[in-house]
Protein backbone atom coordinates (compact mmCIF):
# COMPACT_ATOMS: atom_id res chain seq x y z
CA MET A 1 49.57 -2.12 146.12
CA LYS A 2 47.10 -1.24 148.95
CA ARG A 3 45.38 -4.14 150.54
CA GLU A 4 41.24 -3.85 150.41
CA ARG A 5 40.00 -3.44 153.74
CA GLY A 6 43.28 -4.57 155.51
CA ILE A 7 45.40 -2.75 157.72
CA ASP A 8 46.77 0.43 156.20
CA TYR A 9 47.97 2.50 159.12
CA VAL A 10 48.59 2.25 162.59
CA GLU A 11 49.31 5.13 165.49
CA PHE A 12 50.60 4.99 168.68
CA ALA A 13 49.96 7.97 171.71
CA SER A 14 53.78 8.03 172.73
CA ARG A 15 54.74 10.28 175.97
CA ASP A 16 58.28 11.65 173.90
CA PRO A 17 57.68 10.78 170.28
CA ALA A 18 61.04 11.78 169.33
CA ALA A 19 62.07 8.86 171.89
CA SER A 20 59.94 6.79 170.50
CA ARG A 21 61.85 7.65 166.72
CA ARG A 22 65.23 7.13 168.30
CA PHE A 23 64.52 3.93 169.68
CA PHE A 24 62.91 2.53 166.62
CA GLU A 25 65.47 3.64 164.67
CA GLN A 26 68.21 2.12 166.53
CA VAL A 27 66.68 -0.90 167.61
CA PHE A 28 64.44 -1.80 164.29
CA GLY A 29 65.28 0.01 161.17
CA TRP A 30 62.72 2.18 160.81
CA THR A 31 62.67 5.42 158.90
CA PHE A 32 60.68 8.41 159.77
CA GLU A 33 59.49 11.74 159.09
CA ASP A 34 58.70 14.75 161.28
CA TYR A 35 55.63 16.42 161.48
CA GLY A 36 56.31 19.07 163.96
CA PRO A 37 57.08 17.99 167.93
CA ASP A 38 54.01 16.33 168.70
CA TYR A 39 53.80 13.70 165.36
CA THR A 40 56.25 11.62 163.80
CA ALA A 41 55.40 9.05 161.11
CA PHE A 42 57.07 5.71 160.23
CA ASP A 43 58.50 3.03 157.54
CA ASP A 44 59.06 -0.29 158.87
CA GLY A 45 59.09 -1.25 154.82
CA LEU A 46 55.70 -2.76 155.46
CA LEU A 47 53.67 -0.81 157.58
CA GLN A 48 52.91 2.86 157.84
CA GLY A 49 51.85 4.71 161.36
CA GLY A 50 53.13 7.21 163.74
CA PHE A 51 53.17 8.69 166.90
CA PHE A 52 51.27 11.22 168.46
CA ARG A 53 52.08 12.86 171.94
CA GLY A 54 50.00 11.39 174.36
CA THR A 55 49.40 8.79 177.18
CA PRO A 56 49.97 5.31 175.85
CA VAL A 57 47.87 2.11 177.27
CA THR A 58 49.74 -1.22 178.06
CA SER A 59 47.96 -4.54 177.18
CA GLU A 60 47.33 -5.40 180.65
CA ALA A 61 44.66 -1.84 180.26
CA GLY A 62 43.11 -3.05 176.85
CA ALA A 63 45.58 -2.00 174.33
CA PRO A 64 45.95 -4.16 171.68
CA LEU A 65 49.65 -5.43 171.18
CA LEU A 66 51.98 -5.19 168.31
CA VAL A 67 53.52 -8.12 167.38
CA LEU A 68 57.14 -7.26 165.65
CA TYR A 69 58.93 -10.57 163.73
CA ALA A 70 62.76 -11.06 164.34
CA ALA A 71 64.63 -14.34 163.30
CA GLN A 72 66.77 -14.37 166.10
CA LEU A 73 65.00 -13.11 169.53
CA ALA A 74 68.03 -13.28 171.49
CA PRO A 75 70.06 -10.22 169.90
CA ALA A 76 66.39 -8.48 169.46
CA GLN A 77 65.76 -8.53 173.53
CA ALA A 78 69.33 -7.40 173.98
CA GLU A 79 68.99 -4.45 171.47
CA VAL A 80 65.75 -3.60 173.29
CA GLU A 81 67.09 -3.69 176.26
CA ALA A 82 70.33 -2.03 175.46
CA ARG A 83 68.54 1.08 173.77
CA ASP A 84 66.57 1.63 177.05
CA GLY A 85 63.42 -0.53 176.43
CA ASN A 86 61.77 -2.24 179.52
CA VAL A 87 61.67 -5.80 178.67
CA VAL A 88 58.23 -6.82 180.69
CA LYS A 89 57.97 -10.51 179.87
CA PRO A 90 61.80 -12.26 178.82
CA ILE A 91 61.32 -14.54 175.99
CA PHE A 92 58.81 -17.50 176.53
CA THR A 93 57.39 -20.46 174.37
CA PHE A 94 53.96 -19.94 173.38
CA PRO A 95 52.02 -22.52 170.72
CA GLY A 96 53.92 -21.56 167.62
CA GLY A 97 57.11 -19.96 168.33
CA ARG A 98 58.64 -17.55 171.09
CA ARG A 99 58.50 -14.11 171.94
CA PHE A 100 59.42 -11.45 174.50
CA GLN A 101 57.24 -8.27 175.26
CA PHE A 102 58.84 -4.83 176.07
CA ILE A 103 57.79 -1.37 176.65
CA GLU A 104 59.70 1.44 174.50
CA PRO A 105 61.12 5.11 175.85
CA GLY A 106 57.51 6.23 174.61
CA GLY A 107 55.44 4.32 177.26
CA ASN A 108 53.87 1.59 174.53
CA GLU A 109 54.21 -1.99 174.95
CA LEU A 110 54.80 -4.08 171.58
CA ALA A 111 56.29 -7.99 171.07
CA VAL A 112 58.66 -9.59 168.76
CA TRP A 113 57.64 -13.18 168.09
CA SER A 114 59.83 -16.02 166.44
CA GLU A 115 59.64 -19.40 165.34
CA ARG A 116 60.55 -21.90 168.20
CA ASP A 117 64.04 -23.21 167.51
CA SER A 118 65.37 -19.64 165.43
CA ASP A 119 67.99 -18.91 168.33
């Protein structure tokens, strides 16, 4: 059931939507449906969205930072690195947990967080 006035869909600019698709399929298990070479829609099991061909902006330039969850951070960070993700902030502690930030092959910056003592 949809939540009234809640976030329902999110779209990302990507230099290479196909590369973004491969990365998120392999690392996070998202499912995708392509709508031509310049758009691919995803479903992560909780949220739906898409990647369109364009120029991404990082959080330093003012883009929102989408934060994903993983029960264990170290294996998630290793998988991101193994699949050509660029870790821009390795695992660090913040009030309430730990996280790392990365840039996926299409150029988007995201983060993954977990509880403080998860690994």
